[in-house]
Amino acid sequence: MATNLSIDPELIEKALEVSGERTKKAAVTKALQEFIARRRQKRLLELFGKLEWDEAYDYKAERKRK
């Protein structure tokens, strides 16, 4: 899908520099992928302390199960 965006040229130049990508498209794609991954991680972190754990669960025993 073709999209035209007006992005601050200084941001693009910095993104190219820090990402090591050769094209603007590659730098923007990488930035979006990292943004999405970071937001997903943040959602996972918000779950800490909210889940109930089974203290009797033995993950090592589960590894041996076939």
PDB file of N, CA and C in Angstrom:
ATOM      1  N   MET A   1       0.847  -1.165   0.000  1.00  0.00           N
ATOM      2  CA  MET A   1       0.000   0.000   0.000  1.00  0.00           C
ATOM      3  C   MET A   1       0.901   1.238   0.000  1.00  0.00           C
ATOM      4  N   ALA A   2       0.774   2.047  -0.971  1.00  0.00           N
ATOM      5  CA  ALA A   2       1.561   3.270  -1.063  1.00  0.00           C
ATOM      6  C   ALA A   2       0.968   4.325  -0.142  1.00  0.00           C
ATOM      7  N   THR A   3       1.859   4.998   0.588  1.00  0.00           N
ATOM      8  CA  THR A   3       1.429   6.041   1.506  1.00  0.00           C
ATOM      9  C   THR A   3       2.413   7.195   1.428  1.00  0.00           C
ATOM     10  N   ASN A   4       1.879   8.375   1.364  1.00  0.00           N
ATOM     11  CA  ASN A   4       2.716   9.571   1.380  1.00  0.00           C
ATOM     12  C   ASN A   4       2.625  10.198   2.762  1.00  0.00           C
ATOM     13  N   LEU A   5       3.781  10.404   3.382  1.00  0.00           N
ATOM     14  CA  LEU A   5       3.832  10.997   4.708  1.00  0.00           C
ATOM     15  C   LEU A   5       4.796  12.162   4.714  1.00  0.00           C
ATOM     16  N   SER A   6       4.457  13.150   5.508  1.00  0.00           N
ATOM     17  CA  SER A   6       5.361  14.276   5.705  1.00  0.00           C
ATOM     18  C   SER A   6       6.086  14.035   7.026  1.00  0.00           C
ATOM     19  N   ILE A   7       7.335  13.586   6.944  1.00  0.00           N
ATOM     20  CA  ILE A   7       8.121  13.263   8.128  1.00  0.00           C
ATOM     21  C   ILE A   7       9.284  14.244   8.223  1.00  0.00           C
ATOM     22  N   ASP A   8       9.557  14.680   9.430  1.00  0.00           N
ATOM     23  CA  ASP A   8      10.645  15.614   9.690  1.00  0.00           C
ATOM     24  C   ASP A   8      11.948  15.052   9.092  1.00  0.00           C
ATOM     25  N   PRO A   9      12.553  15.771   8.167  1.00  0.00           N
ATOM     26  CA  PRO A   9      13.783  15.283   7.519  1.00  0.00           C
ATOM     27  C   PRO A   9      14.914  14.981   8.502  1.00  0.00           C
ATOM     28  N   GLU A  10      15.004  15.756   9.590  1.00  0.00           N
ATOM     29  CA  GLU A  10      16.040  15.501  10.584  1.00  0.00           C
ATOM     30  C   GLU A  10      15.820  14.155  11.271  1.00  0.00           C
ATOM     31  N   LEU A  11      14.554  13.818  11.527  1.00  0.00           N
ATOM     32  CA  LEU A  11      14.252  12.526  12.133  1.00  0.00           C
ATOM     33  C   LEU A  11      14.632  11.385  11.202  1.00  0.00           C
ATOM     34  N   ILE A  12      14.333  11.559   9.928  1.00  0.00           N
ATOM     35  CA  ILE A  12      14.679  10.520   8.948  1.00  0.00           C
ATOM     36  C   ILE A  12      16.196  10.335   8.906  1.00  0.00           C
ATOM     37  N   GLU A  13      16.934  11.430   8.884  1.00  0.00           N
ATOM     38  CA  GLU A  13      18.392  11.346   8.830  1.00  0.00           C
ATOM     39  C   GLU A  13      18.943  10.656  10.075  1.00  0.00           C
ATOM     40  N   LYS A  14      18.401  10.987  11.241  1.00  0.00           N
ATOM     41  CA  LYS A  14      18.846  10.337  12.477  1.00  0.00           C
ATOM     42  C   LYS A  14      18.498   8.854  12.463  1.00  0.00           C
ATOM     43  N   ALA A  15      17.310   8.538  11.947  1.00  0.00           N
ATOM     44  CA  ALA A  15      16.889   7.132  11.866  1.00  0.00           C
ATOM     45  C   ALA A  15      17.811   6.348  10.936  1.00  0.00           C
ATOM     46  N   LEU A  16      18.170   6.936   9.818  1.00  0.00           N
ATOM     47  CA  LEU A  16      19.097   6.283   8.892  1.00  0.00           C
ATOM     48  C   LEU A  16      20.449   6.058   9.565  1.00  0.00           C
ATOM     49  N   GLU A  17      20.889   7.042  10.311  1.00  0.00           N
ATOM     50  CA  GLU A  17      22.195   6.967  10.965  1.00  0.00           C
ATOM     51  C   GLU A  17      22.224   5.877  12.037  1.00  0.00           C
ATOM     52  N   VAL A  18      21.235   5.870  12.926  1.00  0.00           N
ATOM     53  CA  VAL A  18      21.276   4.928  14.042  1.00  0.00           C
ATOM     54  C   VAL A  18      20.847   3.519  13.652  1.00  0.00           C
ATOM     55  N   SER A  19      20.030   3.406  12.608  1.00  0.00           N
ATOM     56  CA  SER A  19      19.552   2.082  12.214  1.00  0.00           C
ATOM     57  C   SER A  19      20.547   1.340  11.336  1.00  0.00           C
ATOM     58  N   GLY A  20      21.366   2.094  10.619  1.00  0.00           N
ATOM     59  CA  GLY A  20      22.296   1.461   9.693  1.00  0.00           C
ATOM     60  C   GLY A  20      21.629   1.063   8.380  1.00  0.00           C
ATOM     61  N   GLU A  21      20.374   1.419   8.237  1.00  0.00           N
ATOM     62  CA  GLU A  21      19.659   1.102   6.996  1.00  0.00           C
ATOM     63  C   GLU A  21      20.129   2.029   5.886  1.00  0.00           C
ATOM     64  N   ARG A  22      19.955   1.580   4.656  1.00  0.00           N
ATOM     65  CA  ARG A  22      20.420   2.358   3.511  1.00  0.00           C
ATOM     66  C   ARG A  22      19.337   3.234   2.898  1.00  0.00           C
ATOM     67  N   THR A  23      18.084   2.860   3.113  1.00  0.00           N
ATOM     68  CA  THR A  23      16.996   3.631   2.500  1.00  0.00           C
ATOM     69  C   THR A  23      16.054   4.172   3.569  1.00  0.00           C
ATOM     70  N   LYS A  24      15.354   5.222   3.194  1.00  0.00           N
ATOM     71  CA  LYS A  24      14.374   5.813   4.105  1.00  0.00           C
ATOM     72  C   LYS A  24      13.268   4.811   4.413  1.00  0.00           C
ATOM     73  N   LYS A  25      12.835   4.095   3.390  1.00  0.00           N
ATOM     74  CA  LYS A  25      11.776   3.114   3.581  1.00  0.00           C
ATOM     75  C   LYS A  25      12.200   2.052   4.585  1.00  0.00           C
ATOM     76  N   ALA A  26      13.418   1.552   4.453  1.00  0.00           N
ATOM     77  CA  ALA A  26      13.910   0.519   5.368  1.00  0.00           C
ATOM     78  C   ALA A  26      14.022   1.059   6.792  1.00  0.00           C
ATOM     79  N   ALA A  27      14.464   2.303   6.921  1.00  0.00           N
ATOM     80  CA  ALA A  27      14.598   2.902   8.254  1.00  0.00           C
ATOM     81  C   ALA A  27      13.232   3.086   8.904  1.00  0.00           C
ATOM     82  N   VAL A  28      12.255   3.547   8.148  1.00  0.00           N
ATOM     83  CA  VAL A  28      10.909   3.743   8.684  1.00  0.00           C
ATOM     84  C   VAL A  28      10.278   2.398   9.014  1.00  0.00           C
ATOM     85  N   THR A  29      10.468   1.404   8.169  1.00  0.00           N
ATOM     86  CA  THR A  29       9.925   0.073   8.426  1.00  0.00           C
ATOM     87  C   THR A  29      10.511  -0.494   9.717  1.00  0.00           C
ATOM     88  N   LYS A  30      11.827  -0.390   9.875  1.00  0.00           N
ATOM     89  CA  LYS A  30      12.474  -0.890  11.091  1.00  0.00           C
ATOM     90  C   LYS A  30      11.969  -0.144  12.316  1.00  0.00           C
ATOM     91  N   ALA A  31      11.812   1.163  12.204  1.00  0.00           N
ATOM     92  CA  ALA A  31      11.327   1.961  13.331  1.00  0.00           C
ATOM     93  C   ALA A  31       9.917   1.535  13.727  1.00  0.00           C
ATOM     94  N   LEU A  32       9.067   1.295  12.757  1.00  0.00           N
ATOM     95  CA  LEU A  32       7.706   0.856  13.056  1.00  0.00           C
ATOM     96  C   LEU A  32       7.693  -0.531  13.690  1.00  0.00           C
ATOM     97  N   GLN A  33       8.533  -1.426  13.192  1.00  0.00           N
ATOM     98  CA  GLN A  33       8.608  -2.774  13.773  1.00  0.00           C
ATOM     99  C   GLN A  33       9.059  -2.711  15.233  1.00  0.00           C
ATOM    100  N   GLU A  34      10.059  -1.886  15.504  1.00  0.00           N
ATOM    101  CA  GLU A  34      10.553  -1.754  16.869  1.00  0.00           C
ATOM    102  C   GLU A  34       9.520  -1.084  17.772  1.00  0.00           C
ATOM    103  N   PHE A  35       8.793  -0.118  17.245  1.00  0.00           N
ATOM    104  CA  PHE A  35       7.731   0.551  18.000  1.00  0.00           C
ATOM    105  C   PHE A  35       6.660  -0.451  18.408  1.00  0.00           C
ATOM    106  N   ILE A  36       6.241  -1.273  17.455  1.00  0.00           N
ATOM    107  CA  ILE A  36       5.205  -2.285  17.718  1.00  0.00           C
ATOM    108  C   ILE A  36       5.703  -3.293  18.749  1.00  0.00           C
ATOM    109  N   ALA A  37       6.935  -3.766  18.591  1.00  0.00           N
ATOM    110  CA  ALA A  37       7.492  -4.743  19.531  1.00  0.00           C
ATOM    111  C   ALA A  37       7.568  -4.162  20.941  1.00  0.00           C
ATOM    112  N   ARG A  38       7.979  -2.924  21.055  1.00  0.00           N
ATOM    113  CA  ARG A  38       8.099  -2.288  22.367  1.00  0.00           C
ATOM    114  C   ARG A  38       6.742  -2.123  23.031  1.00  0.00           C
ATOM    115  N   ARG A  39       5.723  -1.767  22.261  1.00  0.00           N
ATOM    116  CA  ARG A  39       4.371  -1.630  22.822  1.00  0.00           C
ATOM    117  C   ARG A  39       3.827  -2.976  23.279  1.00  0.00           C
ATOM    118  N   ARG A  40       4.120  -4.026  22.526  1.00  0.00           N
ATOM    119  CA  ARG A  40       3.687  -5.371  22.934  1.00  0.00           C
ATOM    120  C   ARG A  40       4.380  -5.785  24.225  1.00  0.00           C
ATOM    121  N   GLN A  41       5.661  -5.476  24.338  1.00  0.00           N
ATOM    122  CA  GLN A  41       6.399  -5.783  25.563  1.00  0.00           C
ATOM    123  C   GLN A  41       5.805  -5.034  26.745  1.00  0.00           C
ATOM    124  N   LYS A  42       5.433  -3.794  26.520  1.00  0.00           N
ATOM    125  CA  LYS A  42       4.857  -2.980  27.587  1.00  0.00           C
ATOM    126  C   LYS A  42       3.565  -3.613  28.097  1.00  0.00           C
ATOM    127  N   ARG A  43       2.744  -4.126  27.193  1.00  0.00           N
ATOM    128  CA  ARG A  43       1.494  -4.784  27.600  1.00  0.00           C
ATOM    129  C   ARG A  43       1.785  -6.012  28.448  1.00  0.00           C
ATOM    130  N   LEU A  44       2.826  -6.760  28.082  1.00  0.00           N
ATOM    131  CA  LEU A  44       3.192  -7.936  28.869  1.00  0.00           C
ATOM    132  C   LEU A  44       3.667  -7.535  30.262  1.00  0.00           C
ATOM    133  N   LEU A  45       4.442  -6.478  30.337  1.00  0.00           N
ATOM    134  CA  LEU A  45       4.938  -6.022  31.631  1.00  0.00           C
ATOM    135  C   LEU A  45       3.799  -5.603  32.554  1.00  0.00           C
ATOM    136  N   GLU A  46       2.737  -5.072  31.977  1.00  0.00           N
ATOM    137  CA  GLU A  46       1.589  -4.647  32.770  1.00  0.00           C
ATOM    138  C   GLU A  46       0.879  -5.830  33.426  1.00  0.00           C
ATOM    139  N   LEU A  47       1.112  -7.047  32.920  1.00  0.00           N
ATOM    140  CA  LEU A  47       0.488  -8.237  33.494  1.00  0.00           C
ATOM    141  C   LEU A  47       1.214  -8.747  34.740  1.00  0.00           C
ATOM    142  N   PHE A  48       2.466  -8.343  34.922  1.00  0.00           N
ATOM    143  CA  PHE A  48       3.219  -8.820  36.083  1.00  0.00           C
ATOM    144  C   PHE A  48       2.492  -8.454  37.371  1.00  0.00           C
ATOM    145  N   GLY A  49       2.358  -9.453  38.231  1.00  0.00           N
ATOM    146  CA  GLY A  49       1.683  -9.260  39.493  1.00  0.00           C
ATOM    147  C   GLY A  49       0.180  -9.436  39.416  1.00  0.00           C
ATOM    148  N   LYS A  50      -0.357  -9.658  38.225  1.00  0.00           N
ATOM    149  CA  LYS A  50      -1.795  -9.798  38.057  1.00  0.00           C
ATOM    150  C   LYS A  50      -2.213 -11.234  37.778  1.00  0.00           C
ATOM    151  N   LEU A  51      -1.244 -12.082  37.475  1.00  0.00           N
ATOM    152  CA  LEU A  51      -1.553 -13.476  37.163  1.00  0.00           C
ATOM    153  C   LEU A  51      -1.321 -14.348  38.390  1.00  0.00           C
ATOM    154  N   GLU A  52      -2.155 -15.355  38.547  1.00  0.00           N
ATOM    155  CA  GLU A  52      -1.994 -16.282  39.654  1.00  0.00           C
ATOM    156  C   GLU A  52      -1.101 -17.440  39.196  1.00  0.00           C
ATOM    157  N   TRP A  53      -0.115 -17.769  40.018  1.00  0.00           N
ATOM    158  CA  TRP A  53       0.811 -18.835  39.697  1.00  0.00           C
ATOM    159  C   TRP A  53       0.533 -20.051  40.564  1.00  0.00           C
ATOM    160  N   ASP A  54       0.682 -21.205  39.972  1.00  0.00           N
ATOM    161  CA  ASP A  54       0.542 -22.462  40.700  1.00  0.00           C
ATOM    162  C   ASP A  54       1.909 -22.805  41.278  1.00  0.00           C
ATOM    163  N   GLU A  55       2.034 -22.673  42.594  1.00  0.00           N
ATOM    164  CA  GLU A  55       3.315 -22.908  43.253  1.00  0.00           C
ATOM    165  C   GLU A  55       3.782 -24.352  43.099  1.00  0.00           C
ATOM    166  N   ALA A  56       2.868 -25.275  42.876  1.00  0.00           N
ATOM    167  CA  ALA A  56       3.215 -26.694  42.760  1.00  0.00           C
ATOM    168  C   ALA A  56       3.658 -27.072  41.343  1.00  0.00           C
ATOM    169  N   TYR A  57       3.533 -26.161  40.393  1.00  0.00           N
ATOM    170  CA  TYR A  57       3.888 -26.461  39.001  1.00  0.00           C
ATOM    171  C   TYR A  57       5.395 -26.692  38.895  1.00  0.00           C
ATOM    172  N   ASP A  58       5.780 -27.790  38.263  1.00  0.00           N
ATOM    173  CA  ASP A  58       7.188 -28.129  38.087  1.00  0.00           C
ATOM    174  C   ASP A  58       7.511 -28.108  36.597  1.00  0.00           C
ATOM    175  N   TYR A  59       8.073 -26.994  36.154  1.00  0.00           N
ATOM    176  CA  TYR A  59       8.360 -26.861  34.723  1.00  0.00           C
ATOM    177  C   TYR A  59       9.415 -27.857  34.254  1.00  0.00           C
ATOM    178  N   LYS A  60      10.323 -28.257  35.131  1.00  0.00           N
ATOM    179  CA  LYS A  60      11.346 -29.225  34.739  1.00  0.00           C
ATOM    180  C   LYS A  60      10.725 -30.581  34.455  1.00  0.00           C
ATOM    181  N   ALA A  61       9.730 -30.946  35.233  1.00  0.00           N
ATOM    182  CA  ALA A  61       9.037 -32.215  35.004  1.00  0.00           C
ATOM    183  C   ALA A  61       8.293 -32.180  33.669  1.00  0.00           C
ATOM    184  N   GLU A  62       7.756 -31.040  33.319  1.00  0.00           N
ATOM    185  CA  GLU A  62       7.038 -30.898  32.047  1.00  0.00           C
ATOM    186  C   GLU A  62       7.983 -31.031  30.855  1.00  0.00           C
ATOM    187  N   ARG A  63       9.214 -30.620  31.008  1.00  0.00           N
ATOM    188  CA  ARG A  63      10.196 -30.745  29.923  1.00  0.00           C
ATOM    189  C   ARG A  63      10.488 -32.208  29.610  1.00  0.00           C
ATOM    190  N   LYS A  64      10.473 -33.049  30.629  1.00  0.00           N
ATOM    191  CA  LYS A  64      10.800 -34.467  30.460  1.00  0.00           C
ATOM    192  C   LYS A  64       9.625 -35.247  29.886  1.00  0.00           C
ATOM    193  N   ARG A  65       8.437 -34.710  29.983  1.00  0.00           N
ATOM    194  CA  ARG A  65       7.241 -35.386  29.511  1.00  0.00           C
ATOM    195  C   ARG A  65       7.257 -35.522  27.999  1.00  0.00           C
ATOM    196  N   LYS A  66       6.865 -36.691  27.501  1.00  0.00           N
ATOM    197  CA  LYS A  66       6.850 -36.894  26.045  1.00  0.00           C
ATOM    198  C   LYS A  66       5.507 -37.307  25.568  1.00  0.00           C
TER     199      LYS A  66
END
